[in-house]
Amino acid sequence: MRVLGQSDEQEEILSGRPVMDLSYGRCDFCGQCVDACPSGALSREQGKKRQVIPQLAGSCQAELGMYCNLCEETCPEQAISFAADNKPVIDLGLCSGCGECALDCYSRVLVMAKAS
């Protein structure tokens, strides 16, 4: 995980705040960011709160007929399975938003997007 520049949120309270980017790492909920946060904006008391979810941004290798199930194998929550058409199906009820699936997606079509 890395912290990128500033938020592009329109709400004044969020404008200019740091944002997390899971493109180059995943969140394992270790709490180091809570310990390192100088403002106290992060809290262990609120626990895990999924802020991003994996979404497909195109056709993955499995959908194109090539063997690939890296996202399913790597998901620590077992939230990914494959439908009959070889399309990954993400169970958001099980997904923690850690980003491991997107990190290990060979074709980079799984991306982490803001949870609504």
PDB file of N, CA and C in Angstrom:
ATOM      1  N   MET A   1       0.839  -1.170   0.000  1.00  0.00           N
ATOM      2  CA  MET A   1       0.000   0.000   0.000  1.00  0.00           C
ATOM      3  C   MET A   1       0.888   1.238   0.000  1.00  0.00           C
ATOM      4  N   ARG A   2       0.443   2.251  -0.663  1.00  0.00           N
ATOM      5  CA  ARG A   2       1.145   3.524  -0.612  1.00  0.00           C
ATOM      6  C   ARG A   2       0.120   4.636  -0.521  1.00  0.00           C
ATOM      7  N   VAL A   3       0.534   5.734  -0.008  1.00  0.00           N
ATOM      8  CA  VAL A   3      -0.355   6.887   0.093  1.00  0.00           C
ATOM      9  C   VAL A   3      -0.019   7.815  -1.059  1.00  0.00           C
ATOM     10  N   LEU A   4      -1.025   8.163  -1.818  1.00  0.00           N
ATOM     11  CA  LEU A   4      -0.842   9.069  -2.948  1.00  0.00           C
ATOM     12  C   LEU A   4      -1.159  10.486  -2.531  1.00  0.00           C
ATOM     13  N   GLY A   5      -0.763  11.409  -3.351  1.00  0.00           N
ATOM     14  CA  GLY A   5      -1.001  12.822  -3.149  1.00  0.00           C
ATOM     15  C   GLY A   5      -2.241  13.201  -2.387  1.00  0.00           C
ATOM     16  N   GLN A   6      -3.211  13.763  -3.081  1.00  0.00           N
ATOM     17  CA  GLN A   6      -4.373  14.296  -2.391  1.00  0.00           C
ATOM     18  C   GLN A   6      -5.649  13.777  -3.032  1.00  0.00           C
ATOM     19  N   SER A   7      -6.682  13.720  -2.222  1.00  0.00           N
ATOM     20  CA  SER A   7      -7.987  13.264  -2.670  1.00  0.00           C
ATOM     21  C   SER A   7      -8.565  14.251  -3.677  1.00  0.00           C
ATOM     22  N   ASP A   8      -9.301  13.703  -4.647  1.00  0.00           N
ATOM     23  CA  ASP A   8     -10.002  14.566  -5.596  1.00  0.00           C
ATOM     24  C   ASP A   8     -11.488  14.658  -5.240  1.00  0.00           C
ATOM     25  N   GLU A   9     -11.818  14.292  -4.004  1.00  0.00           N
ATOM     26  CA  GLU A   9     -13.194  14.358  -3.534  1.00  0.00           C
ATOM     27  C   GLU A   9     -13.694  15.796  -3.565  1.00  0.00           C
ATOM     28  N   GLN A  10     -14.974  15.939  -3.840  1.00  0.00           N
ATOM     29  CA  GLN A  10     -15.578  17.266  -3.920  1.00  0.00           C
ATOM     30  C   GLN A  10     -16.022  17.789  -2.553  1.00  0.00           C
ATOM     31  N   GLU A  11     -16.291  16.885  -1.617  1.00  0.00           N
ATOM     32  CA  GLU A  11     -16.721  17.326  -0.298  1.00  0.00           C
ATOM     33  C   GLU A  11     -15.560  18.019   0.403  1.00  0.00           C
ATOM     34  N   GLU A  12     -15.823  19.152   0.981  1.00  0.00           N
ATOM     35  CA  GLU A  12     -14.784  19.970   1.597  1.00  0.00           C
ATOM     36  C   GLU A  12     -14.001  19.212   2.664  1.00  0.00           C
ATOM     37  N   ILE A  13     -14.676  18.413   3.457  1.00  0.00           N
ATOM     38  CA  ILE A  13     -13.997  17.712   4.540  1.00  0.00           C
ATOM     39  C   ILE A  13     -12.983  16.685   4.022  1.00  0.00           C
ATOM     40  N   LEU A  14     -13.192  16.172   2.803  1.00  0.00           N
ATOM     41  CA  LEU A  14     -12.285  15.179   2.214  1.00  0.00           C
ATOM     42  C   LEU A  14     -11.278  15.788   1.248  1.00  0.00           C
ATOM     43  N   SER A  15     -11.526  16.970   0.785  1.00  0.00           N
ATOM     44  CA  SER A  15     -10.664  17.612  -0.209  1.00  0.00           C
ATOM     45  C   SER A  15      -9.243  17.797   0.317  1.00  0.00           C
ATOM     46  N   GLY A  16      -8.284  17.361  -0.474  1.00  0.00           N
ATOM     47  CA  GLY A  16      -6.886  17.532  -0.126  1.00  0.00           C
ATOM     48  C   GLY A  16      -6.352  16.515   0.864  1.00  0.00           C
ATOM     49  N   ARG A  17      -7.143  15.542   1.253  1.00  0.00           N
ATOM     50  CA  ARG A  17      -6.700  14.514   2.205  1.00  0.00           C
ATOM     51  C   ARG A  17      -5.910  13.435   1.469  1.00  0.00           C
ATOM     52  N   PRO A  18      -5.021  12.747   2.177  1.00  0.00           N
ATOM     53  CA  PRO A  18      -4.292  11.632   1.556  1.00  0.00           C
ATOM     54  C   PRO A  18      -5.247  10.505   1.181  1.00  0.00           C
ATOM     55  N   VAL A  19      -4.913   9.776   0.112  1.00  0.00           N
ATOM     56  CA  VAL A  19      -5.697   8.618  -0.304  1.00  0.00           C
ATOM     57  C   VAL A  19      -4.771   7.411  -0.430  1.00  0.00           C
ATOM     58  N   MET A  20      -5.321   6.218  -0.211  1.00  0.00           N
ATOM     59  CA  MET A  20      -4.529   5.002  -0.335  1.00  0.00           C
ATOM     60  C   MET A  20      -4.654   4.441  -1.739  1.00  0.00           C
ATOM     61  N   ASP A  21      -3.575   3.885  -2.238  1.00  0.00           N
ATOM     62  CA  ASP A  21      -3.553   3.246  -3.539  1.00  0.00           C
ATOM     63  C   ASP A  21      -3.093   1.806  -3.336  1.00  0.00           C
ATOM     64  N   LEU A  22      -3.953   0.848  -3.647  1.00  0.00           N
ATOM     65  CA  LEU A  22      -3.613  -0.557  -3.473  1.00  0.00           C
ATOM     66  C   LEU A  22      -3.067  -1.169  -4.760  1.00  0.00           C
ATOM     67  N   SER A  23      -2.651  -0.356  -5.733  1.00  0.00           N
ATOM     68  CA  SER A  23      -2.135  -0.865  -6.997  1.00  0.00           C
ATOM     69  C   SER A  23      -0.819  -1.597  -6.840  1.00  0.00           C
ATOM     70  N   TYR A  24      -0.059  -1.266  -5.848  1.00  0.00           N
ATOM     71  CA  TYR A  24       1.271  -1.847  -5.688  1.00  0.00           C
ATOM     72  C   TYR A  24       1.418  -2.621  -4.387  1.00  0.00           C
ATOM     73  N   GLY A  25       0.340  -2.937  -3.765  1.00  0.00           N
ATOM     74  CA  GLY A  25       0.374  -3.678  -2.523  1.00  0.00           C
ATOM     75  C   GLY A  25      -1.034  -3.972  -2.067  1.00  0.00           C
ATOM     76  N   ARG A  26      -1.149  -4.659  -0.964  1.00  0.00           N
ATOM     77  CA  ARG A  26      -2.465  -4.998  -0.465  1.00  0.00           C
ATOM     78  C   ARG A  26      -2.559  -4.609   1.004  1.00  0.00           C
ATOM     79  N   CYS A  27      -3.745  -4.557   1.516  1.00  0.00           N
ATOM     80  CA  CYS A  27      -3.951  -4.259   2.922  1.00  0.00           C
ATOM     81  C   CYS A  27      -4.181  -5.564   3.656  1.00  0.00           C
ATOM     82  N   ASP A  28      -3.365  -5.829   4.660  1.00  0.00           N
ATOM     83  CA  ASP A  28      -3.583  -7.033   5.469  1.00  0.00           C
ATOM     84  C   ASP A  28      -4.117  -6.669   6.850  1.00  0.00           C
ATOM     85  N   PHE A  29      -4.539  -5.425   7.000  1.00  0.00           N
ATOM     86  CA  PHE A  29      -5.168  -4.939   8.221  1.00  0.00           C
ATOM     87  C   PHE A  29      -4.250  -5.105   9.433  1.00  0.00           C
ATOM     88  N   CYS A  30      -2.950  -4.860   9.207  1.00  0.00           N
ATOM     89  CA  CYS A  30      -1.967  -5.003  10.290  1.00  0.00           C
ATOM     90  C   CYS A  30      -2.040  -3.848  11.288  1.00  0.00           C
ATOM     91  N   GLY A  31      -2.541  -2.696  10.847  1.00  0.00           N
ATOM     92  CA  GLY A  31      -2.680  -1.554  11.737  1.00  0.00           C
ATOM     93  C   GLY A  31      -1.497  -0.603  11.741  1.00  0.00           C
ATOM     94  N   GLN A  32      -0.467  -0.869  10.920  1.00  0.00           N
ATOM     95  CA  GLN A  32       0.697   0.024  10.906  1.00  0.00           C
ATOM     96  C   GLN A  32       0.333   1.423  10.441  1.00  0.00           C
ATOM     97  N   CYS A  33      -0.629   1.541   9.547  1.00  0.00           N
ATOM     98  CA  CYS A  33      -1.032   2.877   9.097  1.00  0.00           C
ATOM     99  C   CYS A  33      -1.695   3.640  10.242  1.00  0.00           C
ATOM    100  N   VAL A  34      -2.439   2.929  11.090  1.00  0.00           N
ATOM    101  CA  VAL A  34      -3.064   3.556  12.256  1.00  0.00           C
ATOM    102  C   VAL A  34      -1.980   4.092  13.186  1.00  0.00           C
ATOM    103  N   ASP A  35      -0.952   3.278  13.412  1.00  0.00           N
ATOM    104  CA  ASP A  35       0.138   3.685  14.294  1.00  0.00           C
ATOM    105  C   ASP A  35       0.922   4.867  13.727  1.00  0.00           C
ATOM    106  N   ALA A  36       1.043   4.923  12.397  1.00  0.00           N
ATOM    107  CA  ALA A  36       1.851   5.961  11.751  1.00  0.00           C
ATOM    108  C   ALA A  36       1.079   7.252  11.490  1.00  0.00           C
ATOM    109  N   CYS A  37      -0.225   7.203  11.587  1.00  0.00           N
ATOM    110  CA  CYS A  37      -1.046   8.369  11.257  1.00  0.00           C
ATOM    111  C   CYS A  37      -0.872   9.459  12.317  1.00  0.00           C
ATOM    112  N   PRO A  38      -0.279  10.612  11.949  1.00  0.00           N
ATOM    113  CA  PRO A  38      -0.012  11.654  12.934  1.00  0.00           C
ATOM    114  C   PRO A  38      -1.261  12.409  13.393  1.00  0.00           C
ATOM    115  N   SER A  39      -2.320  12.369  12.593  1.00  0.00           N
ATOM    116  CA  SER A  39      -3.505  13.154  12.950  1.00  0.00           C
ATOM    117  C   SER A  39      -4.516  12.386  13.783  1.00  0.00           C
ATOM    118  N   GLY A  40      -4.370  11.062  13.848  1.00  0.00           N
ATOM    119  CA  GLY A  40      -5.350  10.257  14.565  1.00  0.00           C
ATOM    120  C   GLY A  40      -6.616  10.000  13.766  1.00  0.00           C
ATOM    121  N   ALA A  41      -6.555  10.225  12.458  1.00  0.00           N
ATOM    122  CA  ALA A  41      -7.732  10.045  11.609  1.00  0.00           C
ATOM    123  C   ALA A  41      -8.107   8.583  11.428  1.00  0.00           C
ATOM    124  N   LEU A  42      -7.142   7.683  11.626  1.00  0.00           N
ATOM    125  CA  LEU A  42      -7.411   6.256  11.503  1.00  0.00           C
ATOM    126  C   LEU A  42      -7.608   5.666  12.888  1.00  0.00           C
ATOM    127  N   SER A  43      -8.507   4.713  12.988  1.00  0.00           N
ATOM    128  CA  SER A  43      -8.864   4.192  14.304  1.00  0.00           C
ATOM    129  C   SER A  43      -8.996   2.674  14.282  1.00  0.00           C
ATOM    130  N   ARG A  44      -8.384   2.010  15.247  1.00  0.00           N
ATOM    131  CA  ARG A  44      -8.560   0.569  15.411  1.00  0.00           C
ATOM    132  C   ARG A  44      -9.957   0.257  15.944  1.00  0.00           C
ATOM    133  N   GLU A  45     -10.533   1.157  16.702  1.00  0.00           N
ATOM    134  CA  GLU A  45     -11.833   0.923  17.306  1.00  0.00           C
ATOM    135  C   GLU A  45     -12.940   0.742  16.274  1.00  0.00           C
ATOM    136  N   GLN A  46     -12.792   1.391  15.122  1.00  0.00           N
ATOM    137  CA  GLN A  46     -13.815   1.256  14.084  1.00  0.00           C
ATOM    138  C   GLN A  46     -13.644  -0.025  13.287  1.00  0.00           C
ATOM    139  N   GLY A  47     -12.522  -0.720  13.481  1.00  0.00           N
ATOM    140  CA  GLY A  47     -12.306  -2.011  12.837  1.00  0.00           C
ATOM    141  C   GLY A  47     -12.151  -1.925  11.340  1.00  0.00           C
ATOM    142  N   LYS A  48     -12.295  -3.081  10.716  1.00  0.00           N
ATOM    143  CA  LYS A  48     -12.168  -3.156   9.264  1.00  0.00           C
ATOM    144  C   LYS A  48     -13.395  -2.529   8.614  1.00  0.00           C
ATOM    145  N   LYS A  49     -13.142  -1.648   7.688  1.00  0.00           N
ATOM    146  CA  LYS A  49     -14.225  -1.051   6.935  1.00  0.00           C
ATOM    147  C   LYS A  49     -13.799  -1.044   5.472  1.00  0.00           C
ATOM    148  N   ARG A  50     -14.490  -1.807   4.660  1.00  0.00           N
ATOM    149  CA  ARG A  50     -14.120  -1.908   3.251  1.00  0.00           C
ATOM    150  C   ARG A  50     -14.405  -0.577   2.561  1.00  0.00           C
ATOM    151  N   GLN A  51     -13.366   0.019   1.997  1.00  0.00           N
ATOM    152  CA  GLN A  51     -13.525   1.292   1.314  1.00  0.00           C
ATOM    153  C   GLN A  51     -13.362   1.163  -0.190  1.00  0.00           C
ATOM    154  N   VAL A  52     -12.753   0.062  -0.632  1.00  0.00           N
ATOM    155  CA  VAL A  52     -12.599  -0.197  -2.056  1.00  0.00           C
ATOM    156  C   VAL A  52     -13.044  -1.620  -2.337  1.00  0.00           C
ATOM    157  N   ILE A  53     -13.486  -1.859  -3.575  1.00  0.00           N
ATOM    158  CA  ILE A  53     -13.917  -3.186  -3.990  1.00  0.00           C
ATOM    159  C   ILE A  53     -13.300  -3.519  -5.346  1.00  0.00           C
ATOM    160  N   PRO A  54     -13.060  -4.797  -5.601  1.00  0.00           N
ATOM    161  CA  PRO A  54     -12.532  -5.174  -6.912  1.00  0.00           C
ATOM    162  C   PRO A  54     -13.631  -5.113  -7.967  1.00  0.00           C
ATOM    163  N   GLN A  55     -13.262  -4.618  -9.138  1.00  0.00           N
ATOM    164  CA  GLN A  55     -14.184  -4.570 -10.272  1.00  0.00           C
ATOM    165  C   GLN A  55     -13.434  -4.992 -11.519  1.00  0.00           C
ATOM    166  N   LEU A  56     -14.146  -5.594 -12.463  1.00  0.00           N
ATOM    167  CA  LEU A  56     -13.541  -5.972 -13.735  1.00  0.00           C
ATOM    168  C   LEU A  56     -13.537  -4.771 -14.667  1.00  0.00           C
ATOM    169  N   ALA A  57     -12.382  -4.493 -15.253  1.00  0.00           N
ATOM    170  CA  ALA A  57     -12.249  -3.367 -16.171  1.00  0.00           C
ATOM    171  C   ALA A  57     -12.057  -3.852 -17.605  1.00  0.00           C
ATOM    172  N   GLY A  58     -12.408  -5.098 -17.866  1.00  0.00           N
ATOM    173  CA  GLY A  58     -12.253  -5.676 -19.196  1.00  0.00           C
ATOM    174  C   GLY A  58     -12.407  -7.179 -19.097  1.00  0.00           C
ATOM    175  N   SER A  59     -12.026  -7.865 -20.171  1.00  0.00           N
ATOM    176  CA  SER A  59     -12.106  -9.327 -20.197  1.00  0.00           C
ATOM    177  C   SER A  59     -10.801  -9.921 -19.690  1.00  0.00           C
ATOM    178  N   CYS A  60     -10.915 -10.831 -18.745  1.00  0.00           N
ATOM    179  CA  CYS A  60      -9.712 -11.450 -18.196  1.00  0.00           C
ATOM    180  C   CYS A  60      -9.290 -12.635 -19.065  1.00  0.00           C
ATOM    181  N   GLN A  61      -8.133 -13.179 -18.769  1.00  0.00           N
ATOM    182  CA  GLN A  61      -7.598 -14.288 -19.552  1.00  0.00           C
ATOM    183  C   GLN A  61      -8.519 -15.496 -19.519  1.00  0.00           C
ATOM    184  N   ALA A  62      -9.123 -15.774 -18.372  1.00  0.00           N
ATOM    185  CA  ALA A  62     -10.032 -16.915 -18.265  1.00  0.00           C
ATOM    186  C   ALA A  62     -11.226 -16.746 -19.198  1.00  0.00           C
ATOM    187  N   GLU A  63     -11.763 -15.546 -19.290  1.00  0.00           N
ATOM    188  CA  GLU A  63     -12.887 -15.280 -20.188  1.00  0.00           C
ATOM    189  C   GLU A  63     -12.485 -15.450 -21.644  1.00  0.00           C
ATOM    190  N   LEU A  64     -11.216 -15.229 -21.952  1.00  0.00           N
ATOM    191  CA  LEU A  64     -10.714 -15.333 -23.315  1.00  0.00           C
ATOM    192  C   LEU A  64     -10.258 -16.747 -23.665  1.00  0.00           C
ATOM    193  N   GLY A  65     -10.515 -17.691 -22.753  1.00  0.00           N
ATOM    194  CA  GLY A  65     -10.220 -19.089 -23.030  1.00  0.00           C
ATOM    195  C   GLY A  65      -8.866 -19.576 -22.544  1.00  0.00           C
ATOM    196  N   MET A  66      -8.097 -18.732 -21.888  1.00  0.00           N
ATOM    197  CA  MET A  66      -6.802 -19.144 -21.352  1.00  0.00           C
ATOM    198  C   MET A  66      -6.986 -19.552 -19.901  1.00  0.00           C
ATOM    199  N   TYR A  67      -6.163 -20.480 -19.449  1.00  0.00           N
ATOM    200  CA  TYR A  67      -6.295 -20.919 -18.068  1.00  0.00           C
ATOM    201  C   TYR A  67      -5.706 -19.866 -17.134  1.00  0.00           C
ATOM    202  N   CYS A  68      -6.525 -19.381 -16.227  1.00  0.00           N
ATOM    203  CA  CYS A  68      -6.064 -18.458 -15.198  1.00  0.00           C
ATOM    204  C   CYS A  68      -7.118 -18.414 -14.102  1.00  0.00           C
ATOM    205  N   ASN A  69      -6.683 -18.598 -12.881  1.00  0.00           N
ATOM    206  CA  ASN A  69      -7.575 -18.421 -11.736  1.00  0.00           C
ATOM    207  C   ASN A  69      -6.791 -17.836 -10.556  1.00  0.00           C
ATOM    208  N   LEU A  70      -5.797 -17.002 -10.877  1.00  0.00           N
ATOM    209  CA  LEU A  70      -4.954 -16.420  -9.838  1.00  0.00           C
ATOM    210  C   LEU A  70      -5.759 -15.618  -8.819  1.00  0.00           C
ATOM    211  N   CYS A  71      -6.739 -14.879  -9.281  1.00  0.00           N
ATOM    212  CA  CYS A  71      -7.531 -14.065  -8.355  1.00  0.00           C
ATOM    213  C   CYS A  71      -8.277 -14.951  -7.361  1.00  0.00           C
ATOM    214  N   GLU A  72      -8.824 -16.044  -7.850  1.00  0.00           N
ATOM    215  CA  GLU A  72      -9.552 -16.969  -6.982  1.00  0.00           C
ATOM    216  C   GLU A  72      -8.607 -17.639  -5.987  1.00  0.00           C
ATOM    217  N   GLU A  73      -7.443 -18.064  -6.470  1.00  0.00           N
ATOM    218  CA  GLU A  73      -6.477 -18.751  -5.605  1.00  0.00           C
ATOM    219  C   GLU A  73      -5.902 -17.852  -4.529  1.00  0.00           C
ATOM    220  N   THR A  74      -5.705 -16.591  -4.847  1.00  0.00           N
ATOM    221  CA  THR A  74      -5.020 -15.692  -3.928  1.00  0.00           C
ATOM    222  C   THR A  74      -5.944 -15.000  -2.939  1.00  0.00           C
ATOM    223  N   CYS A  75      -7.242 -15.015  -3.170  1.00  0.00           N
ATOM    224  CA  CYS A  75      -8.182 -14.305  -2.305  1.00  0.00           C
ATOM    225  C   CYS A  75      -8.217 -14.927  -0.912  1.00  0.00           C
ATOM    226  N   PRO A  76      -7.789 -14.177   0.114  1.00  0.00           N
ATOM    227  CA  PRO A  76      -7.774 -14.736   1.465  1.00  0.00           C
ATOM    228  C   PRO A  76      -9.173 -14.957   2.047  1.00  0.00           C
ATOM    229  N   GLU A  77     -10.179 -14.317   1.467  1.00  0.00           N
ATOM    230  CA  GLU A  77     -11.555 -14.426   1.964  1.00  0.00           C
ATOM    231  C   GLU A  77     -12.390 -15.421   1.165  1.00  0.00           C
ATOM    232  N   GLN A  78     -11.797 -16.009   0.112  1.00  0.00           N
ATOM    233  CA  GLN A  78     -12.499 -16.927  -0.793  1.00  0.00           C
ATOM    234  C   GLN A  78     -13.752 -16.265  -1.357  1.00  0.00           C
ATOM    235  N   ALA A  79     -13.604 -15.005  -1.753  1.00  0.00           N
ATOM    236  CA  ALA A  79     -14.724 -14.217  -2.258  1.00  0.00           C
ATOM    237  C   ALA A  79     -14.846 -14.257  -3.778  1.00  0.00           C
ATOM    238  N   ILE A  80     -13.948 -14.970  -4.459  1.00  0.00           N
ATOM    239  CA  ILE A  80     -13.971 -15.006  -5.917  1.00  0.00           C
ATOM    240  C   ILE A  80     -14.157 -16.434  -6.396  1.00  0.00           C
ATOM    241  N   SER A  81     -15.082 -16.596  -7.335  1.00  0.00           N
ATOM    242  CA  SER A  81     -15.305 -17.879  -7.992  1.00  0.00           C
ATOM    243  C   SER A  81     -15.488 -17.586  -9.474  1.00  0.00           C
ATOM    244  N   PHE A  82     -15.648 -18.629 -10.262  1.00  0.00           N
ATOM    245  CA  PHE A  82     -15.823 -18.429 -11.699  1.00  0.00           C
ATOM    246  C   PHE A  82     -17.174 -18.973 -12.146  1.00  0.00           C
ATOM    247  N   ALA A  83     -17.868 -18.200 -12.972  1.00  0.00           N
ATOM    248  CA  ALA A  83     -19.153 -18.603 -13.530  1.00  0.00           C
ATOM    249  C   ALA A  83     -18.917 -19.578 -14.681  1.00  0.00           C
ATOM    250  N   ALA A  84     -19.985 -20.125 -15.223  1.00  0.00           N
ATOM    251  CA  ALA A  84     -19.892 -21.088 -16.326  1.00  0.00           C
ATOM    252  C   ALA A  84     -19.200 -20.484 -17.551  1.00  0.00           C
ATOM    253  N   ASP A  85     -19.303 -19.160 -17.731  1.00  0.00           N
ATOM    254  CA  ASP A  85     -18.667 -18.501 -18.881  1.00  0.00           C
ATOM    255  C   ASP A  85     -17.227 -18.087 -18.587  1.00  0.00           C
ATOM    256  N   ASN A  86     -16.656 -18.601 -17.488  1.00  0.00           N
ATOM    257  CA  ASN A  86     -15.278 -18.308 -17.062  1.00  0.00           C
ATOM    258  C   ASN A  86     -15.062 -16.867 -16.630  1.00  0.00           C
ATOM    259  N   LYS A  87     -16.112 -16.181 -16.312  1.00  0.00           N
ATOM    260  CA  LYS A  87     -15.998 -14.807 -15.827  1.00  0.00           C
ATOM    261  C   LYS A  87     -15.891 -14.842 -14.301  1.00  0.00           C
ATOM    262  N   PRO A  88     -14.936 -14.105 -13.728  1.00  0.00           N
ATOM    263  CA  PRO A  88     -14.831 -14.064 -12.269  1.00  0.00           C
ATOM    264  C   PRO A  88     -16.073 -13.432 -11.649  1.00  0.00           C
ATOM    265  N   VAL A  89     -16.532 -14.028 -10.567  1.00  0.00           N
ATOM    266  CA  VAL A  89     -17.679 -13.517  -9.823  1.00  0.00           C
ATOM    267  C   VAL A  89     -17.184 -13.162  -8.430  1.00  0.00           C
ATOM    268  N   ILE A  90     -17.410 -11.935  -8.010  1.00  0.00           N
ATOM    269  CA  ILE A  90     -16.925 -11.451  -6.723  1.00  0.00           C
ATOM    270  C   ILE A  90     -18.083 -11.361  -5.741  1.00  0.00           C
ATOM    271  N   ASP A  91     -17.967 -12.078  -4.648  1.00  0.00           N
ATOM    272  CA  ASP A  91     -18.977 -12.035  -3.593  1.00  0.00           C
ATOM    273  C   ASP A  91     -18.599 -10.898  -2.640  1.00  0.00           C
ATOM    274  N   LEU A  92     -19.253  -9.755  -2.792  1.00  0.00           N
ATOM    275  CA  LEU A  92     -18.915  -8.589  -1.981  1.00  0.00           C
ATOM    276  C   LEU A  92     -19.260  -8.783  -0.512  1.00  0.00           C
ATOM    277  N   GLY A  93     -20.104  -9.756  -0.212  1.00  0.00           N
ATOM    278  CA  GLY A  93     -20.401 -10.072   1.177  1.00  0.00           C
ATOM    279  C   GLY A  93     -19.207 -10.699   1.889  1.00  0.00           C
ATOM    280  N   LEU A  94     -18.340 -11.351   1.143  1.00  0.00           N
ATOM    281  CA  LEU A  94     -17.139 -11.975   1.705  1.00  0.00           C
ATOM    282  C   LEU A  94     -15.890 -11.110   1.530  1.00  0.00           C
ATOM    283  N   CYS A  95     -15.894 -10.235   0.532  1.00  0.00           N
ATOM    284  CA  CYS A  95     -14.712  -9.431   0.185  1.00  0.00           C
ATOM    285  C   CYS A  95     -14.369  -8.423   1.287  1.00  0.00           C
ATOM    286  N   SER A  96     -13.083  -8.385   1.660  1.00  0.00           N
ATOM    287  CA  SER A  96     -12.638  -7.418   2.669  1.00  0.00           C
ATOM    288  C   SER A  96     -12.090  -6.144   2.033  1.00  0.00           C
ATOM    289  N   GLY A  97     -11.865  -6.160   0.717  1.00  0.00           N
ATOM    290  CA  GLY A  97     -11.307  -4.997   0.041  1.00  0.00           C
ATOM    291  C   GLY A  97      -9.804  -4.884   0.186  1.00  0.00           C
ATOM    292  N   CYS A  98      -9.131  -5.997   0.457  1.00  0.00           N
ATOM    293  CA  CYS A  98      -7.686  -5.965   0.713  1.00  0.00           C
ATOM    294  C   CYS A  98      -6.858  -5.671  -0.539  1.00  0.00           C
ATOM    295  N   GLY A  99      -7.364  -5.997  -1.734  1.00  0.00           N
ATOM    296  CA  GLY A  99      -6.644  -5.712  -2.967  1.00  0.00           C
ATOM    297  C   GLY A  99      -5.734  -6.817  -3.460  1.00  0.00           C
ATOM    298  N   GLU A 100      -5.675  -7.935  -2.761  1.00  0.00           N
ATOM    299  CA  GLU A 100      -4.795  -9.037  -3.164  1.00  0.00           C
ATOM    300  C   GLU A 100      -5.141  -9.554  -4.558  1.00  0.00           C
ATOM    301  N   CYS A 101      -6.416  -9.673  -4.882  1.00  0.00           N
ATOM    302  CA  CYS A 101      -6.825 -10.186  -6.191  1.00  0.00           C
ATOM    303  C   CYS A 101      -6.337  -9.275  -7.316  1.00  0.00           C
ATOM    304  N   ALA A 102      -6.494  -7.976  -7.147  1.00  0.00           N
ATOM    305  CA  ALA A 102      -6.053  -7.024  -8.171  1.00  0.00           C
ATOM    306  C   ALA A 102      -4.539  -7.018  -8.304  1.00  0.00           C
ATOM    307  N   LEU A 103      -3.857  -7.170  -7.193  1.00  0.00           N
ATOM    308  CA  LEU A 103      -2.398  -7.203  -7.208  1.00  0.00           C
ATOM    309  C   LEU A 103      -1.882  -8.412  -7.982  1.00  0.00           C
ATOM    310  N   ASP A 104      -2.561  -9.547  -7.860  1.00  0.00           N
ATOM    311  CA  ASP A 104      -2.110 -10.775  -8.503  1.00  0.00           C
ATOM    312  C   ASP A 104      -2.734 -11.024  -9.865  1.00  0.00           C
ATOM    313  N   CYS A 105      -3.629 -10.169 -10.325  1.00  0.00           N
ATOM    314  CA  CYS A 105      -4.268 -10.343 -11.633  1.00  0.00           C
ATOM    315  C   CYS A 105      -3.244 -10.107 -12.739  1.00  0.00           C
ATOM    316  N   TYR A 106      -2.920 -11.164 -13.450  1.00  0.00           N
ATOM    317  CA  TYR A 106      -1.885 -11.098 -14.486  1.00  0.00           C
ATOM    318  C   TYR A 106      -2.249 -10.116 -15.599  1.00  0.00           C
ATOM    319  N   SER A 107      -3.509 -10.100 -15.993  1.00  0.00           N
ATOM    320  CA  SER A 107      -3.912  -9.226 -17.098  1.00  0.00           C
ATOM    321  C   SER A 107      -4.333  -7.833 -16.638  1.00  0.00           C
ATOM    322  N   ARG A 108      -4.316  -7.581 -15.334  1.00  0.00           N
ATOM    323  CA  ARG A 108      -4.616  -6.270 -14.737  1.00  0.00           C
ATOM    324  C   ARG A 108      -6.011  -5.750 -15.067  1.00  0.00           C
ATOM    325  N   VAL A 109      -6.976  -6.668 -15.231  1.00  0.00           N
ATOM    326  CA  VAL A 109      -8.340  -6.224 -15.474  1.00  0.00           C
ATOM    327  C   VAL A 109      -9.138  -6.138 -14.179  1.00  0.00           C
ATOM    328  N   LEU A 110      -8.627  -6.697 -13.104  1.00  0.00           N
ATOM    329  CA  LEU A 110      -9.249  -6.502 -11.790  1.00  0.00           C
ATOM    330  C   LEU A 110      -8.628  -5.250 -11.201  1.00  0.00           C
ATOM    331  N   VAL A 111      -9.462  -4.274 -10.940  1.00  0.00           N
ATOM    332  CA  VAL A 111      -8.984  -3.018 -10.367  1.00  0.00           C
ATOM    333  C   VAL A 111      -9.766  -2.722  -9.099  1.00  0.00           C
ATOM    334  N   MET A 112      -9.149  -2.002  -8.204  1.00  0.00           N
ATOM    335  CA  MET A 112      -9.817  -1.624  -6.962  1.00  0.00           C
ATOM    336  C   MET A 112     -10.494  -0.274  -7.177  1.00  0.00           C
ATOM    337  N   ALA A 113     -11.782  -0.239  -6.916  1.00  0.00           N
ATOM    338  CA  ALA A 113     -12.571   0.979  -7.121  1.00  0.00           C
ATOM    339  C   ALA A 113     -13.240   1.372  -5.816  1.00  0.00           C
ATOM    340  N   LYS A 114     -13.585   2.609  -5.702  1.00  0.00           N
ATOM    341  CA  LYS A 114     -14.236   3.133  -4.503  1.00  0.00           C
ATOM    342  C   LYS A 114     -15.554   2.414  -4.257  1.00  0.00           C
ATOM    343  N   ALA A 115     -15.727   1.922  -3.036  1.00  0.00           N
ATOM    344  CA  ALA A 115     -16.981   1.264  -2.669  1.00  0.00           C
ATOM    345  C   ALA A 115     -18.078   2.315  -2.555  1.00  0.00           C
ATOM    346  N   SER A 116     -19.246   1.985  -3.011  1.00  0.00           N
ATOM    347  CA  SER A 116     -20.336   2.972  -2.947  1.00  0.00           C
ATOM    348  C   SER A 116     -21.115   2.858  -1.676  1.00  0.00           C
TER     349      SER A 116
END
